């Protein structure tokens, strides 16, 4: 499995799509979580109807002390979709390239190959999480400098918790992408259905949760609801990234739910790969 892991890691590192996903994620954090919010808040006219206390609260959310909820909100929103795409590409492309059969004739068994891919993807997501956290920290530091505010970072313990939460969020949705790509033996339909589920179906459940207790209970079992509530457990989310309707999921339950989803998707994917014809 070590050779499979090394080969898959090299494939992900050399693949342009990996870098494109990372750059889009970083750009989304800088633009939508910091630059646009800061620019609109600072340059809004006095007659725009924004109370001074609301303006101050928005600016405080951009400072280093509140970087964790700000950045983690991006993980739950932009990052979830991008991780799903990366997960589907990392596994499903072998079907589109028709290289999986050749690979299986030259390497260890299917499960060793699969878990080599999974561990390589997990390490890639770990590095991506660290990079996005660094981008968020740098952006918040710049805002503090522009506002001439003192720089106060979250504690090391909180930062590690936030780092783990971000990695878990990305890992869960990447696992969903892996499962769909394995199930459908390709990337295009897997990515399309995954994004429809994430952006449409989960949004419907989230939007209707305030109207029905049953829908709210179902929504608490879905990964996006748990992701956004996990991000909100670190502090108030920034403007435009408000929490979901209804009662928030407890952080411990959100972690368990996301972990169960990630493991379940991986197990199902492994069983599909092991038991089916790969052609």
Foldseek 3Di string as FASTA:
>chain_A
DVVLLVVLLVVLVPDVLNVVLLVVLLVCLLVVLFDVLVVCLVPPDPPPPQDPVNSVVQLVCLAQANLLLSLLLSLLPVVLLSLLLVLLCSALVCLVVVCPVVVCVPDDHPLVNLVSSLVSSLVSLLVSLVVSSVSSNVSNVVSCVVVVHDHDHHDPVLVVVSSVLSSLSSLLSSLQSNLLSLVVSHRPVSSVVSCCCSVPVLVVLLVCCVVDVVSVVVNVLDLSLLSSLLSCVSDAYHPPSHHTDDDHDDNVVSSVSSVVSSVVSSVNSSVSSVPDDSD
